[in-house]
N, C-alpha and C. Protein backbone atom coordinates (compact mmCIF):
# COMPACT_ATOMS: atom_id res chain seq x y z
N MET A 1 -15.56 -20.31 33.35
CA MET A 1 -14.94 -19.13 32.77
C MET A 1 -14.87 -19.31 31.25
N SER A 2 -15.27 -18.32 30.49
CA SER A 2 -15.32 -18.38 29.04
C SER A 2 -13.91 -18.23 28.44
N LEU A 3 -13.62 -19.04 27.40
CA LEU A 3 -12.32 -18.97 26.73
C LEU A 3 -12.38 -18.15 25.46
N ASP A 4 -13.55 -17.65 25.10
CA ASP A 4 -13.71 -16.85 23.89
C ASP A 4 -13.08 -15.47 24.12
N PRO A 5 -12.10 -15.05 23.28
CA PRO A 5 -11.44 -13.76 23.49
C PRO A 5 -12.35 -12.57 23.20
N ALA A 6 -13.47 -12.80 22.51
CA ALA A 6 -14.35 -11.69 22.18
C ALA A 6 -15.25 -11.26 23.34
N GLU A 7 -15.45 -12.13 24.30
CA GLU A 7 -16.30 -11.74 25.43
C GLU A 7 -15.47 -11.66 26.71
N PRO A 8 -15.83 -10.72 27.59
CA PRO A 8 -15.04 -10.54 28.81
C PRO A 8 -15.18 -11.73 29.75
N PRO A 9 -14.11 -12.02 30.51
CA PRO A 9 -14.17 -13.15 31.44
C PRO A 9 -15.09 -12.86 32.61
N ILE A 10 -15.90 -13.84 32.99
CA ILE A 10 -16.80 -13.71 34.15
C ILE A 10 -16.28 -14.67 35.21
N PRO A 11 -15.90 -14.15 36.37
CA PRO A 11 -15.36 -15.03 37.40
C PRO A 11 -16.44 -15.95 37.97
N GLU A 12 -16.02 -17.18 38.31
CA GLU A 12 -16.95 -18.14 38.90
C GLU A 12 -17.16 -17.84 40.39
N ASP A 13 -16.15 -17.33 41.05
CA ASP A 13 -16.22 -16.99 42.47
C ASP A 13 -16.71 -15.54 42.59
N PRO A 14 -17.86 -15.28 43.25
CA PRO A 14 -18.41 -13.91 43.33
C PRO A 14 -17.50 -12.94 44.10
N GLU A 15 -16.62 -13.44 44.94
CA GLU A 15 -15.76 -12.54 45.70
C GLU A 15 -14.45 -12.25 44.98
N GLU A 16 -14.23 -12.90 43.84
CA GLU A 16 -13.00 -12.67 43.06
C GLU A 16 -13.07 -11.29 42.42
N GLU A 17 -11.91 -10.64 42.34
CA GLU A 17 -11.84 -9.28 41.79
C GLU A 17 -12.09 -9.33 40.28
N ILE A 18 -12.89 -8.44 39.79
CA ILE A 18 -13.19 -8.38 38.37
C ILE A 18 -12.19 -7.42 37.70
N ILE A 19 -11.50 -7.94 36.71
CA ILE A 19 -10.53 -7.13 35.96
C ILE A 19 -11.25 -6.61 34.72
N PRO A 20 -11.19 -5.29 34.48
CA PRO A 20 -11.89 -4.75 33.31
C PRO A 20 -11.34 -5.32 32.00
N TYR A 21 -12.23 -5.61 31.07
CA TYR A 21 -11.87 -6.18 29.77
C TYR A 21 -11.64 -5.05 28.78
N VAL A 22 -10.48 -5.04 28.13
CA VAL A 22 -10.16 -3.98 27.18
C VAL A 22 -10.18 -4.46 25.73
N GLY A 23 -10.35 -5.75 25.50
CA GLY A 23 -10.41 -6.28 24.15
C GLY A 23 -9.04 -6.62 23.61
N PRO A 24 -9.00 -7.19 22.40
CA PRO A 24 -7.72 -7.56 21.80
C PRO A 24 -6.92 -6.32 21.42
N PRO A 25 -5.59 -6.41 21.40
CA PRO A 25 -4.77 -5.24 21.05
C PRO A 25 -4.92 -4.89 19.58
N LYS A 26 -4.80 -3.63 19.28
CA LYS A 26 -4.85 -3.17 17.89
C LYS A 26 -3.41 -3.11 17.37
N LEU A 27 -3.16 -3.83 16.28
CA LEU A 27 -1.81 -3.90 15.72
C LEU A 27 -1.67 -2.87 14.61
N LEU A 28 -0.53 -2.21 14.59
CA LEU A 28 -0.23 -1.22 13.56
C LEU A 28 0.52 -1.90 12.41
N PRO A 29 0.32 -1.42 11.19
CA PRO A 29 1.04 -2.03 10.07
C PRO A 29 2.55 -1.77 10.20
N VAL A 30 3.33 -2.76 9.82
CA VAL A 30 4.78 -2.66 9.90
C VAL A 30 5.36 -2.88 8.50
N ALA A 31 6.29 -2.02 8.11
CA ALA A 31 6.96 -2.18 6.82
C ALA A 31 8.01 -3.28 6.95
N ILE A 32 7.94 -4.25 6.06
CA ILE A 32 8.87 -5.39 6.10
C ILE A 32 9.87 -5.24 4.97
N LYS A 33 11.15 -5.28 5.30
CA LYS A 33 12.21 -5.23 4.29
C LYS A 33 12.70 -6.64 4.02
N THR A 34 12.67 -7.04 2.76
CA THR A 34 13.09 -8.38 2.38
C THR A 34 14.50 -8.42 1.83
N GLY A 35 15.05 -7.26 1.47
CA GLY A 35 16.35 -7.22 0.81
C GLY A 35 16.23 -7.33 -0.69
N GLU A 36 15.02 -7.46 -1.18
CA GLU A 36 14.78 -7.59 -2.62
C GLU A 36 14.26 -6.29 -3.24
N GLU A 37 14.25 -5.21 -2.48
CA GLU A 37 13.66 -3.96 -2.96
C GLU A 37 14.41 -3.35 -4.14
N ASP A 38 15.73 -3.55 -4.21
CA ASP A 38 16.54 -2.96 -5.28
C ASP A 38 16.70 -3.89 -6.48
N PHE A 39 15.93 -4.97 -6.51
CA PHE A 39 16.07 -5.97 -7.56
C PHE A 39 14.82 -6.07 -8.41
N GLU A 40 15.05 -6.40 -9.68
CA GLU A 40 13.95 -6.65 -10.62
C GLU A 40 13.80 -8.16 -10.74
N LEU A 41 12.58 -8.64 -10.63
CA LEU A 41 12.31 -10.07 -10.73
C LEU A 41 12.31 -10.47 -12.21
N LEU A 42 13.18 -11.42 -12.56
CA LEU A 42 13.26 -11.89 -13.94
C LEU A 42 12.38 -13.11 -14.18
N MET A 43 12.47 -14.11 -13.28
CA MET A 43 11.70 -15.33 -13.44
C MET A 43 11.66 -16.10 -12.12
N THR A 44 10.60 -16.89 -11.92
CA THR A 44 10.49 -17.71 -10.71
C THR A 44 10.21 -19.16 -11.11
N PHE A 45 10.63 -20.07 -10.24
CA PHE A 45 10.41 -21.50 -10.45
C PHE A 45 10.07 -22.15 -9.13
N LYS A 46 9.08 -23.04 -9.13
CA LYS A 46 8.79 -23.88 -7.97
C LYS A 46 9.69 -25.10 -8.09
N CYS A 47 10.45 -25.37 -7.03
CA CYS A 47 11.44 -26.43 -7.15
C CYS A 47 11.86 -26.98 -5.79
N LYS A 48 12.68 -28.02 -5.84
CA LYS A 48 13.38 -28.54 -4.66
C LYS A 48 14.86 -28.26 -4.90
N LEU A 49 15.52 -27.77 -3.86
CA LEU A 49 16.93 -27.44 -3.96
C LEU A 49 17.74 -28.42 -3.12
N TYR A 50 18.83 -28.90 -3.68
CA TYR A 50 19.72 -29.83 -2.99
C TYR A 50 21.12 -29.23 -2.93
N ARG A 51 21.87 -29.62 -1.90
CA ARG A 51 23.25 -29.17 -1.74
C ARG A 51 24.12 -30.39 -1.51
N PHE A 52 25.32 -30.39 -2.10
CA PHE A 52 26.22 -31.53 -1.97
C PHE A 52 27.06 -31.34 -0.71
N ARG A 53 26.86 -32.21 0.27
CA ARG A 53 27.59 -32.16 1.54
C ARG A 53 27.91 -33.57 1.98
N ASN A 54 29.10 -33.78 2.54
CA ASN A 54 29.53 -35.08 3.07
C ASN A 54 29.34 -36.21 2.05
N GLU A 55 29.75 -35.94 0.83
CA GLU A 55 29.73 -36.94 -0.25
C GLU A 55 28.33 -37.42 -0.64
N GLU A 56 27.28 -36.61 -0.38
CA GLU A 56 25.93 -36.98 -0.82
C GLU A 56 25.08 -35.72 -1.01
N TRP A 57 24.03 -35.86 -1.82
CA TRP A 57 23.09 -34.76 -2.04
C TRP A 57 22.09 -34.74 -0.90
N LYS A 58 21.94 -33.58 -0.26
CA LYS A 58 20.98 -33.42 0.82
C LYS A 58 20.00 -32.31 0.45
N GLN A 59 18.71 -32.56 0.73
CA GLN A 59 17.71 -31.56 0.39
C GLN A 59 17.92 -30.31 1.23
N ARG A 60 18.00 -29.17 0.55
CA ARG A 60 18.21 -27.88 1.22
C ARG A 60 16.89 -27.20 1.51
N GLY A 61 15.90 -27.44 0.66
CA GLY A 61 14.59 -26.85 0.86
C GLY A 61 13.72 -26.98 -0.36
N GLN A 62 12.44 -26.65 -0.17
CA GLN A 62 11.47 -26.67 -1.27
C GLN A 62 10.77 -25.33 -1.26
N GLY A 63 10.66 -24.69 -2.42
CA GLY A 63 10.03 -23.38 -2.45
C GLY A 63 10.15 -22.72 -3.80
N ILE A 64 10.16 -21.40 -3.78
CA ILE A 64 10.23 -20.59 -4.99
C ILE A 64 11.65 -20.10 -5.18
N LEU A 65 12.26 -20.44 -6.31
CA LEU A 65 13.58 -19.96 -6.66
C LEU A 65 13.39 -18.78 -7.61
N LYS A 66 14.07 -17.67 -7.32
CA LYS A 66 13.91 -16.45 -8.12
C LYS A 66 15.23 -16.06 -8.77
N PHE A 67 15.14 -15.60 -10.00
CA PHE A 67 16.25 -14.94 -10.66
C PHE A 67 15.98 -13.44 -10.52
N LEU A 68 16.92 -12.73 -9.89
CA LEU A 68 16.77 -11.30 -9.64
C LEU A 68 17.91 -10.54 -10.29
N LYS A 69 17.61 -9.34 -10.82
CA LYS A 69 18.63 -8.48 -11.42
C LYS A 69 18.65 -7.15 -10.68
N HIS A 70 19.84 -6.75 -10.20
CA HIS A 70 19.98 -5.50 -9.46
C HIS A 70 19.74 -4.34 -10.42
N GLN A 71 18.98 -3.34 -9.99
CA GLN A 71 18.59 -2.24 -10.85
C GLN A 71 19.75 -1.31 -11.20
N GLU A 72 20.75 -1.20 -10.34
CA GLU A 72 21.87 -0.30 -10.62
C GLU A 72 23.05 -1.03 -11.26
N THR A 73 23.45 -2.17 -10.72
CA THR A 73 24.64 -2.86 -11.21
C THR A 73 24.36 -3.85 -12.32
N ASN A 74 23.09 -4.22 -12.53
CA ASN A 74 22.66 -5.21 -13.52
C ASN A 74 23.23 -6.61 -13.27
N LYS A 75 23.69 -6.88 -12.05
CA LYS A 75 24.16 -8.21 -11.68
C LYS A 75 22.95 -9.08 -11.37
N CYS A 76 22.99 -10.33 -11.80
CA CYS A 76 21.89 -11.27 -11.56
C CYS A 76 22.28 -12.23 -10.43
N ARG A 77 21.29 -12.59 -9.63
CA ARG A 77 21.53 -13.55 -8.57
C ARG A 77 20.36 -14.51 -8.46
N ILE A 78 20.62 -15.61 -7.78
CA ILE A 78 19.59 -16.60 -7.47
C ILE A 78 19.24 -16.44 -6.00
N LEU A 79 17.96 -16.40 -5.71
CA LEU A 79 17.50 -16.34 -4.33
C LEU A 79 16.38 -17.38 -4.18
N MET A 80 16.52 -18.24 -3.21
CA MET A 80 15.46 -19.21 -2.94
C MET A 80 15.09 -19.15 -1.48
N ARG A 81 13.79 -19.03 -1.23
CA ARG A 81 13.25 -19.07 0.13
C ARG A 81 12.40 -20.32 0.28
N GLN A 82 12.51 -20.94 1.45
CA GLN A 82 11.75 -22.17 1.72
C GLN A 82 10.28 -21.83 1.92
N ASP A 83 9.39 -22.72 1.43
CA ASP A 83 7.95 -22.55 1.63
C ASP A 83 7.64 -22.46 3.12
N ALA A 84 6.63 -21.69 3.47
CA ALA A 84 6.08 -21.55 4.82
C ALA A 84 7.00 -20.79 5.78
N THR A 85 8.28 -21.13 5.86
CA THR A 85 9.17 -20.46 6.83
C THR A 85 9.86 -19.25 6.22
N TYR A 86 10.01 -19.21 4.90
CA TYR A 86 10.68 -18.14 4.16
C TYR A 86 12.15 -18.00 4.53
N PHE A 87 12.78 -19.06 5.09
CA PHE A 87 14.22 -19.03 5.34
C PHE A 87 14.93 -19.01 3.99
N ILE A 88 16.03 -18.27 3.90
CA ILE A 88 16.80 -18.22 2.67
C ILE A 88 17.62 -19.50 2.57
N ARG A 89 17.47 -20.21 1.46
CA ARG A 89 18.17 -21.47 1.24
C ARG A 89 19.25 -21.36 0.18
N ALA A 90 19.18 -20.35 -0.68
CA ALA A 90 20.22 -20.08 -1.67
C ALA A 90 20.23 -18.59 -1.94
N ASN A 91 21.43 -18.02 -2.03
CA ASN A 91 21.57 -16.59 -2.27
C ASN A 91 22.96 -16.35 -2.84
N HIS A 92 23.07 -16.32 -4.16
CA HIS A 92 24.37 -16.11 -4.78
C HIS A 92 24.24 -15.56 -6.19
N LEU A 93 25.34 -14.96 -6.65
CA LEU A 93 25.41 -14.46 -8.01
C LEU A 93 25.49 -15.63 -8.98
N VAL A 94 24.92 -15.44 -10.15
CA VAL A 94 25.00 -16.45 -11.20
C VAL A 94 26.33 -16.23 -11.90
N SER A 95 27.24 -17.22 -11.78
CA SER A 95 28.56 -17.01 -12.36
C SER A 95 29.11 -18.24 -13.07
N GLU A 96 28.95 -19.39 -12.48
CA GLU A 96 29.56 -20.61 -13.04
C GLU A 96 28.64 -21.25 -14.07
N THR A 97 29.22 -22.18 -14.81
CA THR A 97 28.45 -22.91 -15.81
C THR A 97 27.49 -23.88 -15.13
N ILE A 98 26.42 -24.14 -15.83
CA ILE A 98 25.40 -25.05 -15.32
C ILE A 98 25.43 -26.32 -16.16
N VAL A 99 25.23 -27.47 -15.54
CA VAL A 99 25.22 -28.74 -16.27
C VAL A 99 23.98 -29.53 -15.91
N LYS A 100 23.58 -30.43 -16.81
CA LYS A 100 22.43 -31.30 -16.55
C LYS A 100 22.77 -32.19 -15.37
N SER A 101 21.82 -32.34 -14.47
CA SER A 101 22.03 -33.11 -13.26
C SER A 101 21.98 -34.61 -13.53
N MET A 102 22.91 -35.32 -12.94
CA MET A 102 22.87 -36.78 -12.98
C MET A 102 21.99 -37.28 -11.84
N PHE A 103 21.60 -36.38 -10.96
CA PHE A 103 20.85 -36.70 -9.76
C PHE A 103 19.34 -36.72 -10.02
N HIS A 104 18.85 -35.85 -10.93
CA HIS A 104 17.41 -35.73 -11.22
C HIS A 104 17.17 -35.66 -12.72
N GLN A 105 16.00 -36.14 -13.13
CA GLN A 105 15.64 -36.10 -14.55
C GLN A 105 15.47 -34.66 -15.03
N PHE A 106 14.69 -33.84 -14.29
CA PHE A 106 14.48 -32.44 -14.66
C PHE A 106 15.28 -31.56 -13.70
N GLY A 107 16.60 -31.69 -13.75
CA GLY A 107 17.42 -30.93 -12.82
C GLY A 107 18.73 -30.47 -13.41
N TYR A 108 19.33 -29.48 -12.75
CA TYR A 108 20.62 -28.95 -13.14
C TYR A 108 21.51 -28.87 -11.91
N GLU A 109 22.82 -28.81 -12.16
CA GLU A 109 23.81 -28.64 -11.09
C GLU A 109 24.68 -27.44 -11.42
N TRP A 110 25.10 -26.71 -10.38
CA TRP A 110 26.01 -25.59 -10.56
C TRP A 110 26.74 -25.34 -9.24
N ILE A 111 27.76 -24.49 -9.32
CA ILE A 111 28.54 -24.11 -8.14
C ILE A 111 28.39 -22.61 -7.96
N GLY A 112 28.24 -22.17 -6.71
CA GLY A 112 28.10 -20.74 -6.45
C GLY A 112 28.67 -20.34 -5.10
N GLN A 113 29.09 -19.08 -4.99
CA GLN A 113 29.55 -18.50 -3.72
C GLN A 113 28.30 -18.11 -2.95
N ASP A 114 27.82 -19.00 -2.09
CA ASP A 114 26.52 -18.83 -1.42
C ASP A 114 26.65 -18.01 -0.14
N HIS A 115 25.65 -17.13 0.10
CA HIS A 115 25.60 -16.27 1.29
C HIS A 115 24.40 -16.58 2.17
N SER A 116 23.70 -17.69 1.96
CA SER A 116 22.43 -17.95 2.65
C SER A 116 22.59 -18.24 4.13
N ASP A 117 23.75 -18.73 4.56
CA ASP A 117 23.95 -19.05 5.98
C ASP A 117 24.65 -17.93 6.74
N GLY A 118 24.80 -16.76 6.11
CA GLY A 118 25.43 -15.63 6.78
C GLY A 118 26.91 -15.48 6.48
N GLU A 119 27.54 -16.51 5.97
CA GLU A 119 28.94 -16.43 5.57
C GLU A 119 29.07 -16.95 4.15
N THR A 120 30.07 -16.48 3.44
CA THR A 120 30.26 -16.86 2.05
C THR A 120 31.01 -18.18 1.95
N LYS A 121 30.41 -19.14 1.24
CA LYS A 121 31.03 -20.46 1.04
C LYS A 121 30.78 -20.91 -0.39
N LEU A 122 31.75 -21.62 -0.93
CA LEU A 122 31.58 -22.21 -2.25
C LEU A 122 30.75 -23.49 -2.07
N GLU A 123 29.57 -23.53 -2.70
CA GLU A 123 28.65 -24.65 -2.54
C GLU A 123 28.29 -25.23 -3.90
N GLN A 124 27.99 -26.51 -3.92
CA GLN A 124 27.50 -27.16 -5.12
C GLN A 124 26.01 -27.42 -4.94
N PHE A 125 25.21 -26.93 -5.88
CA PHE A 125 23.75 -27.03 -5.79
C PHE A 125 23.19 -27.88 -6.92
N SER A 126 22.02 -28.43 -6.66
CA SER A 126 21.24 -29.11 -7.68
C SER A 126 19.78 -28.71 -7.47
N VAL A 127 19.09 -28.49 -8.57
CA VAL A 127 17.69 -28.11 -8.49
C VAL A 127 16.86 -29.15 -9.23
N LYS A 128 15.72 -29.49 -8.64
CA LYS A 128 14.78 -30.42 -9.28
C LYS A 128 13.54 -29.62 -9.63
N LEU A 129 13.25 -29.52 -10.91
CA LEU A 129 12.11 -28.73 -11.40
C LEU A 129 10.92 -29.64 -11.66
N GLU A 130 9.74 -29.01 -11.79
CA GLU A 130 8.50 -29.78 -11.90
C GLU A 130 8.23 -30.36 -13.27
N SER A 131 8.68 -29.68 -14.34
CA SER A 131 8.32 -30.14 -15.68
C SER A 131 9.46 -29.92 -16.67
N GLU A 132 9.31 -30.50 -17.83
CA GLU A 132 10.31 -30.33 -18.89
C GLU A 132 10.32 -28.89 -19.40
N GLU A 133 9.15 -28.25 -19.39
CA GLU A 133 9.05 -26.85 -19.80
C GLU A 133 9.86 -25.95 -18.86
N ASP A 134 9.70 -26.16 -17.54
CA ASP A 134 10.48 -25.41 -16.55
C ASP A 134 11.97 -25.71 -16.70
N PHE A 135 12.28 -26.95 -17.02
CA PHE A 135 13.66 -27.40 -17.21
C PHE A 135 14.34 -26.56 -18.29
N ASP A 136 13.67 -26.37 -19.42
CA ASP A 136 14.24 -25.59 -20.52
C ASP A 136 14.31 -24.10 -20.18
N LYS A 137 13.26 -23.56 -19.58
CA LYS A 137 13.23 -22.14 -19.21
C LYS A 137 14.31 -21.81 -18.18
N PHE A 138 14.52 -22.71 -17.23
CA PHE A 138 15.53 -22.50 -16.19
C PHE A 138 16.92 -22.37 -16.83
N TYR A 139 17.23 -23.28 -17.74
CA TYR A 139 18.54 -23.26 -18.40
C TYR A 139 18.73 -21.95 -19.17
N GLN A 140 17.71 -21.54 -19.94
CA GLN A 140 17.81 -20.31 -20.72
C GLN A 140 18.02 -19.10 -19.81
N GLN A 141 17.26 -19.02 -18.73
CA GLN A 141 17.37 -17.89 -17.81
C GLN A 141 18.74 -17.88 -17.13
N TYR A 142 19.21 -19.04 -16.71
CA TYR A 142 20.52 -19.14 -16.05
C TYR A 142 21.62 -18.66 -16.99
N GLU A 143 21.58 -19.11 -18.24
CA GLU A 143 22.60 -18.72 -19.21
C GLU A 143 22.55 -17.23 -19.51
N GLU A 144 21.35 -16.66 -19.64
CA GLU A 144 21.22 -15.21 -19.87
C GLU A 144 21.85 -14.43 -18.71
N CYS A 145 21.56 -14.86 -17.49
CA CYS A 145 22.10 -14.18 -16.31
C CYS A 145 23.61 -14.36 -16.22
N ARG A 146 24.11 -15.54 -16.54
CA ARG A 146 25.54 -15.79 -16.48
C ARG A 146 26.29 -14.90 -17.48
N ILE A 147 25.76 -14.79 -18.68
CA ILE A 147 26.38 -13.94 -19.71
C ILE A 147 26.31 -12.47 -19.31
N LEU A 148 25.17 -12.05 -18.76
CA LEU A 148 25.02 -10.67 -18.31
C LEU A 148 26.02 -10.35 -17.20
N ASN A 149 26.20 -11.25 -16.24
CA ASN A 149 27.15 -11.04 -15.14
C ASN A 149 28.59 -11.04 -15.66
N LYS A 150 28.88 -11.88 -16.65
CA LYS A 150 30.23 -11.95 -17.22
C LYS A 150 30.56 -10.65 -17.93
N ASP A 151 29.59 -10.08 -18.66
CA ASP A 151 29.79 -8.82 -19.37
C ASP A 151 30.02 -7.65 -18.41
N GLU A 152 29.42 -7.72 -17.22
CA GLU A 152 29.53 -6.62 -16.25
C GLU A 152 30.89 -6.59 -15.56
N ASP A 153 31.61 -7.72 -15.54
CA ASP A 153 32.91 -7.78 -14.86
C ASP A 153 33.98 -6.97 -15.53
C-alpha cells in the first residue's frame, strides 16, 4: 500500500473494498489576531529574558522583545514572544527604572507588573542582549517609553 498522500491507496487484497480518493483537504485562510493590532512597533531586540524566582535567575525564554506604543493612549509596553512557539514570556507597561544587570555583561534589570501568565504579578526581569550597540539602544528606548508613560499618568 502506498504511503504517498498524492496518489490514491491501492489495496493489496483484491476483495477489499476500494474507498474513493478525494485528495488532501483545501484549507481556507484564517485571520489571526495577535493582540498587537492597536499598537505601533517602536523597536525590536533579539535577546534572552530571565526572571528572578526562588532566589535565582531563571531563563524565561529566548526570542524577539518588542517595544510597542498604543495608538490611542500612547502607553508603551514590552512584549516578548519565545522563538518557534510564540508563547508570551513578558507583557507589561514600561514604568519602573532600569538598571545595569549584575547578572550579564550586556544586560539590564527592571521590575514590571507582568500579564504574560494570565494574571498580573510584580516580576523582576533581566534581559541579555547580543551586542553593546543593542545594549545602548535598549536603554535609550526603555527610558523614552518610561518618560512617555509617566507623562500620560
